[in-house]
Amino acid sequence: MGAAVGGGEYAITAGEAFIWKSERHEVTLSLTSDGWMVRLMRVGPLMGPPTVEHQVRHKDARLATFDLMGRVGRASNEEEMVRVG
């Protein structure tokens, strides 16, 4: 487990997080003492309180990155289908 991922302005260190937001979802990647945390939450004023749909800790930053990309893809595809429908 490394101390940071990314480089330059996109580096993530302990205590910081990368957050991707949409109207209905929030995906967070953060570095904790136990590893990399990926969390997908359903949010929105009409959806009640924020609900955690997925939360996993990864020891490997690469696996955490793949998980993050998959969660963002899932959340964005669902919104696109609702918009088109």
N, C-alpha and C. Protein backbone atom coordinates (compact mmCIF):
# COMPACT_ATOMS: atom_id res chain seq x y z
N MET A 1 0.85 -1.17 0.00
CA MET A 1 0.00 0.00 0.00
C MET A 1 0.89 1.23 0.00
N GLY A 2 0.71 2.11 -0.95
CA GLY A 2 1.54 3.29 -1.07
C GLY A 2 1.01 4.45 -0.26
N ALA A 3 1.77 5.51 -0.21
CA ALA A 3 1.37 6.69 0.54
C ALA A 3 0.50 7.62 -0.28
N ALA A 4 0.60 7.53 -1.58
CA ALA A 4 -0.21 8.41 -2.44
C ALA A 4 -0.40 7.75 -3.79
N VAL A 5 -1.46 8.15 -4.47
CA VAL A 5 -1.74 7.66 -5.82
C VAL A 5 -1.90 8.87 -6.71
N GLY A 6 -1.46 8.76 -7.94
CA GLY A 6 -1.57 9.88 -8.86
C GLY A 6 -0.37 10.78 -8.73
N GLY A 7 -0.38 11.82 -9.51
CA GLY A 7 0.72 12.75 -9.46
C GLY A 7 0.22 14.16 -9.64
N GLY A 8 1.02 15.10 -9.23
CA GLY A 8 0.66 16.50 -9.40
C GLY A 8 -0.58 16.85 -8.60
N GLU A 9 -1.47 17.58 -9.22
CA GLU A 9 -2.67 18.04 -8.52
C GLU A 9 -3.67 16.93 -8.23
N TYR A 10 -3.49 15.73 -8.83
CA TYR A 10 -4.43 14.63 -8.64
C TYR A 10 -3.97 13.61 -7.60
N ALA A 11 -2.86 13.84 -6.93
CA ALA A 11 -2.37 12.90 -5.93
C ALA A 11 -3.32 12.85 -4.74
N ILE A 12 -3.55 11.64 -4.23
CA ILE A 12 -4.39 11.45 -3.05
C ILE A 12 -3.50 10.95 -1.93
N THR A 13 -3.51 11.64 -0.81
CA THR A 13 -2.75 11.24 0.36
C THR A 13 -3.72 10.94 1.49
N ALA A 14 -3.20 10.39 2.58
CA ALA A 14 -4.04 10.06 3.73
C ALA A 14 -4.82 11.29 4.20
N GLY A 15 -6.09 11.10 4.47
CA GLY A 15 -6.94 12.19 4.92
C GLY A 15 -7.61 12.96 3.80
N GLU A 16 -7.25 12.70 2.55
CA GLU A 16 -7.87 13.35 1.40
C GLU A 16 -8.72 12.34 0.64
N ALA A 17 -9.55 12.82 -0.28
CA ALA A 17 -10.39 11.92 -1.05
C ALA A 17 -10.64 12.48 -2.44
N PHE A 18 -10.86 11.56 -3.39
CA PHE A 18 -11.34 11.93 -4.72
C PHE A 18 -12.85 11.67 -4.68
N ILE A 19 -13.64 12.66 -5.07
CA ILE A 19 -15.10 12.53 -5.03
C ILE A 19 -15.68 12.84 -6.40
N TRP A 20 -16.48 11.92 -6.91
CA TRP A 20 -17.23 12.11 -8.15
C TRP A 20 -18.69 12.22 -7.76
N LYS A 21 -19.37 13.27 -8.21
CA LYS A 21 -20.76 13.49 -7.83
C LYS A 21 -21.65 13.64 -9.05
N SER A 22 -22.87 13.19 -8.90
CA SER A 22 -23.93 13.44 -9.87
C SER A 22 -25.17 13.82 -9.06
N GLU A 23 -26.29 13.96 -9.73
CA GLU A 23 -27.52 14.32 -9.01
C GLU A 23 -27.96 13.23 -8.05
N ARG A 24 -27.68 11.97 -8.39
CA ARG A 24 -28.20 10.85 -7.60
C ARG A 24 -27.14 10.01 -6.89
N HIS A 25 -25.88 10.18 -7.24
CA HIS A 25 -24.83 9.34 -6.67
C HIS A 25 -23.60 10.16 -6.29
N GLU A 26 -22.84 9.58 -5.37
CA GLU A 26 -21.54 10.13 -4.99
C GLU A 26 -20.60 8.95 -4.82
N VAL A 27 -19.48 8.96 -5.54
CA VAL A 27 -18.47 7.91 -5.44
C VAL A 27 -17.20 8.54 -4.86
N THR A 28 -16.66 7.91 -3.83
CA THR A 28 -15.50 8.46 -3.12
C THR A 28 -14.37 7.44 -3.08
N LEU A 29 -13.16 7.90 -3.34
CA LEU A 29 -11.95 7.10 -3.17
C LEU A 29 -11.09 7.82 -2.15
N SER A 30 -10.76 7.13 -1.05
CA SER A 30 -9.94 7.75 -0.01
C SER A 30 -8.92 6.76 0.52
N LEU A 31 -7.85 7.29 1.05
CA LEU A 31 -6.78 6.48 1.63
C LEU A 31 -6.92 6.52 3.14
N THR A 32 -7.09 5.34 3.75
CA THR A 32 -7.20 5.23 5.20
C THR A 32 -6.02 4.41 5.72
N SER A 33 -5.93 4.25 7.02
CA SER A 33 -4.85 3.46 7.59
C SER A 33 -4.98 1.97 7.23
N ASP A 34 -6.20 1.52 6.89
CA ASP A 34 -6.45 0.13 6.54
C ASP A 34 -6.32 -0.16 5.05
N GLY A 35 -6.20 0.86 4.23
CA GLY A 35 -6.11 0.67 2.79
C GLY A 35 -6.94 1.72 2.05
N TRP A 36 -7.30 1.39 0.82
CA TRP A 36 -8.06 2.31 -0.02
C TRP A 36 -9.54 2.01 0.11
N MET A 37 -10.33 3.03 0.41
CA MET A 37 -11.77 2.88 0.60
C MET A 37 -12.50 3.41 -0.64
N VAL A 38 -13.37 2.58 -1.22
CA VAL A 38 -14.23 2.99 -2.32
C VAL A 38 -15.65 2.92 -1.80
N ARG A 39 -16.40 4.03 -1.93
CA ARG A 39 -17.77 4.09 -1.42
C ARG A 39 -18.68 4.69 -2.48
N LEU A 40 -19.79 4.01 -2.74
CA LEU A 40 -20.84 4.52 -3.63
C LEU A 40 -22.05 4.81 -2.78
N MET A 41 -22.52 6.06 -2.81
CA MET A 41 -23.69 6.45 -2.03
C MET A 41 -24.77 6.99 -2.96
N ARG A 42 -26.00 6.66 -2.63
CA ARG A 42 -27.16 7.23 -3.33
C ARG A 42 -27.55 8.48 -2.54
N VAL A 43 -27.57 9.61 -3.22
CA VAL A 43 -27.88 10.88 -2.57
C VAL A 43 -28.95 11.61 -3.39
N GLY A 44 -29.53 12.62 -2.81
CA GLY A 44 -30.51 13.44 -3.52
C GLY A 44 -31.61 13.87 -2.58
N PRO A 45 -32.12 15.06 -2.78
CA PRO A 45 -33.12 15.61 -1.86
C PRO A 45 -34.43 14.81 -1.85
N LEU A 46 -34.78 14.15 -2.93
CA LEU A 46 -36.03 13.40 -2.99
C LEU A 46 -35.84 11.92 -2.69
N MET A 47 -34.63 11.50 -2.39
CA MET A 47 -34.33 10.09 -2.18
C MET A 47 -34.12 9.75 -0.71
N GLY A 48 -34.43 10.66 0.20
CA GLY A 48 -34.22 10.41 1.61
C GLY A 48 -32.77 10.64 2.00
N PRO A 49 -32.40 10.12 3.17
CA PRO A 49 -31.01 10.31 3.62
C PRO A 49 -30.05 9.55 2.72
N PRO A 50 -28.79 9.99 2.65
CA PRO A 50 -27.80 9.28 1.84
C PRO A 50 -27.71 7.80 2.26
N THR A 51 -27.65 6.92 1.26
CA THR A 51 -27.61 5.48 1.50
C THR A 51 -26.35 4.90 0.86
N VAL A 52 -25.58 4.14 1.64
CA VAL A 52 -24.39 3.50 1.11
C VAL A 52 -24.82 2.25 0.35
N GLU A 53 -24.51 2.21 -0.95
CA GLU A 53 -24.83 1.05 -1.79
C GLU A 53 -23.64 0.10 -1.91
N HIS A 54 -22.43 0.63 -1.77
CA HIS A 54 -21.22 -0.19 -1.94
C HIS A 54 -20.12 0.46 -1.13
N GLN A 55 -19.41 -0.35 -0.34
CA GLN A 55 -18.26 0.15 0.41
C GLN A 55 -17.28 -0.99 0.59
N VAL A 56 -16.06 -0.81 0.07
CA VAL A 56 -15.03 -1.85 0.12
C VAL A 56 -13.68 -1.20 0.38
N ARG A 57 -12.84 -1.90 1.17
CA ARG A 57 -11.45 -1.49 1.37
C ARG A 57 -10.56 -2.39 0.52
N HIS A 58 -9.62 -1.78 -0.16
CA HIS A 58 -8.65 -2.51 -0.99
C HIS A 58 -7.25 -2.25 -0.46
N LYS A 59 -6.42 -3.26 -0.44
CA LYS A 59 -5.01 -3.09 -0.08
C LYS A 59 -4.21 -2.55 -1.26
N ASP A 60 -4.62 -2.90 -2.47
CA ASP A 60 -3.92 -2.53 -3.70
C ASP A 60 -4.59 -1.31 -4.33
N ALA A 61 -3.83 -0.25 -4.56
CA ALA A 61 -4.37 0.98 -5.15
C ALA A 61 -4.93 0.73 -6.54
N ARG A 62 -4.32 -0.18 -7.29
CA ARG A 62 -4.79 -0.46 -8.65
C ARG A 62 -6.19 -1.08 -8.61
N LEU A 63 -6.42 -2.01 -7.70
CA LEU A 63 -7.75 -2.62 -7.57
C LEU A 63 -8.79 -1.58 -7.12
N ALA A 64 -8.38 -0.69 -6.24
CA ALA A 64 -9.28 0.37 -5.80
C ALA A 64 -9.65 1.29 -6.97
N THR A 65 -8.70 1.56 -7.83
CA THR A 65 -8.96 2.41 -9.00
C THR A 65 -9.93 1.74 -9.95
N PHE A 66 -9.75 0.44 -10.19
CA PHE A 66 -10.68 -0.30 -11.07
C PHE A 66 -12.08 -0.31 -10.46
N ASP A 67 -12.16 -0.52 -9.16
CA ASP A 67 -13.45 -0.52 -8.48
C ASP A 67 -14.11 0.85 -8.61
N LEU A 68 -13.34 1.91 -8.40
CA LEU A 68 -13.87 3.28 -8.53
C LEU A 68 -14.41 3.51 -9.93
N MET A 69 -13.65 3.14 -10.95
CA MET A 69 -14.10 3.35 -12.33
C MET A 69 -15.39 2.58 -12.62
N GLY A 70 -15.48 1.37 -12.10
CA GLY A 70 -16.69 0.58 -12.29
C GLY A 70 -17.90 1.20 -11.62
N ARG A 71 -17.72 1.73 -10.43
CA ARG A 71 -18.82 2.37 -9.70
C ARG A 71 -19.27 3.66 -10.39
N VAL A 72 -18.33 4.43 -10.88
CA VAL A 72 -18.69 5.66 -11.61
C VAL A 72 -19.43 5.29 -12.89
N GLY A 73 -18.96 4.25 -13.58
CA GLY A 73 -19.64 3.81 -14.80
C GLY A 73 -21.05 3.35 -14.52
N ARG A 74 -21.23 2.60 -13.46
CA ARG A 74 -22.56 2.10 -13.09
C ARG A 74 -23.49 3.26 -12.76
N ALA A 75 -23.02 4.21 -11.96
CA ALA A 75 -23.84 5.34 -11.55
C ALA A 75 -24.18 6.24 -12.73
N SER A 76 -23.23 6.48 -13.62
CA SER A 76 -23.50 7.38 -14.74
C SER A 76 -24.38 6.71 -15.78
N ASN A 77 -24.24 5.41 -16.01
CA ASN A 77 -25.09 4.71 -16.96
C ASN A 77 -26.53 4.70 -16.51
N GLU A 78 -26.75 4.50 -15.23
CA GLU A 78 -28.12 4.47 -14.71
C GLU A 78 -28.79 5.83 -14.91
N GLU A 79 -28.08 6.88 -14.66
CA GLU A 79 -28.65 8.22 -14.86
C GLU A 79 -28.97 8.48 -16.32
N GLU A 80 -28.09 8.03 -17.21
CA GLU A 80 -28.32 8.23 -18.63
C GLU A 80 -29.57 7.47 -19.08
N MET A 81 -29.76 6.26 -18.57
CA MET A 81 -30.95 5.49 -18.94
C MET A 81 -32.22 6.18 -18.45
N VAL A 82 -32.20 6.74 -17.26
CA VAL A 82 -33.36 7.45 -16.72
C VAL A 82 -33.65 8.68 -17.57
N ARG A 83 -32.60 9.40 -17.96
CA ARG A 83 -32.78 10.61 -18.76
C ARG A 83 -33.37 10.28 -20.13
N VAL A 84 -32.87 9.22 -20.76
CA VAL A 84 -33.36 8.83 -22.08
C VAL A 84 -34.78 8.28 -22.00
N GLY A 85 -35.06 7.50 -20.92
CA GLY A 85 -36.38 6.89 -20.75
C GLY A 85 -37.41 7.92 -20.45
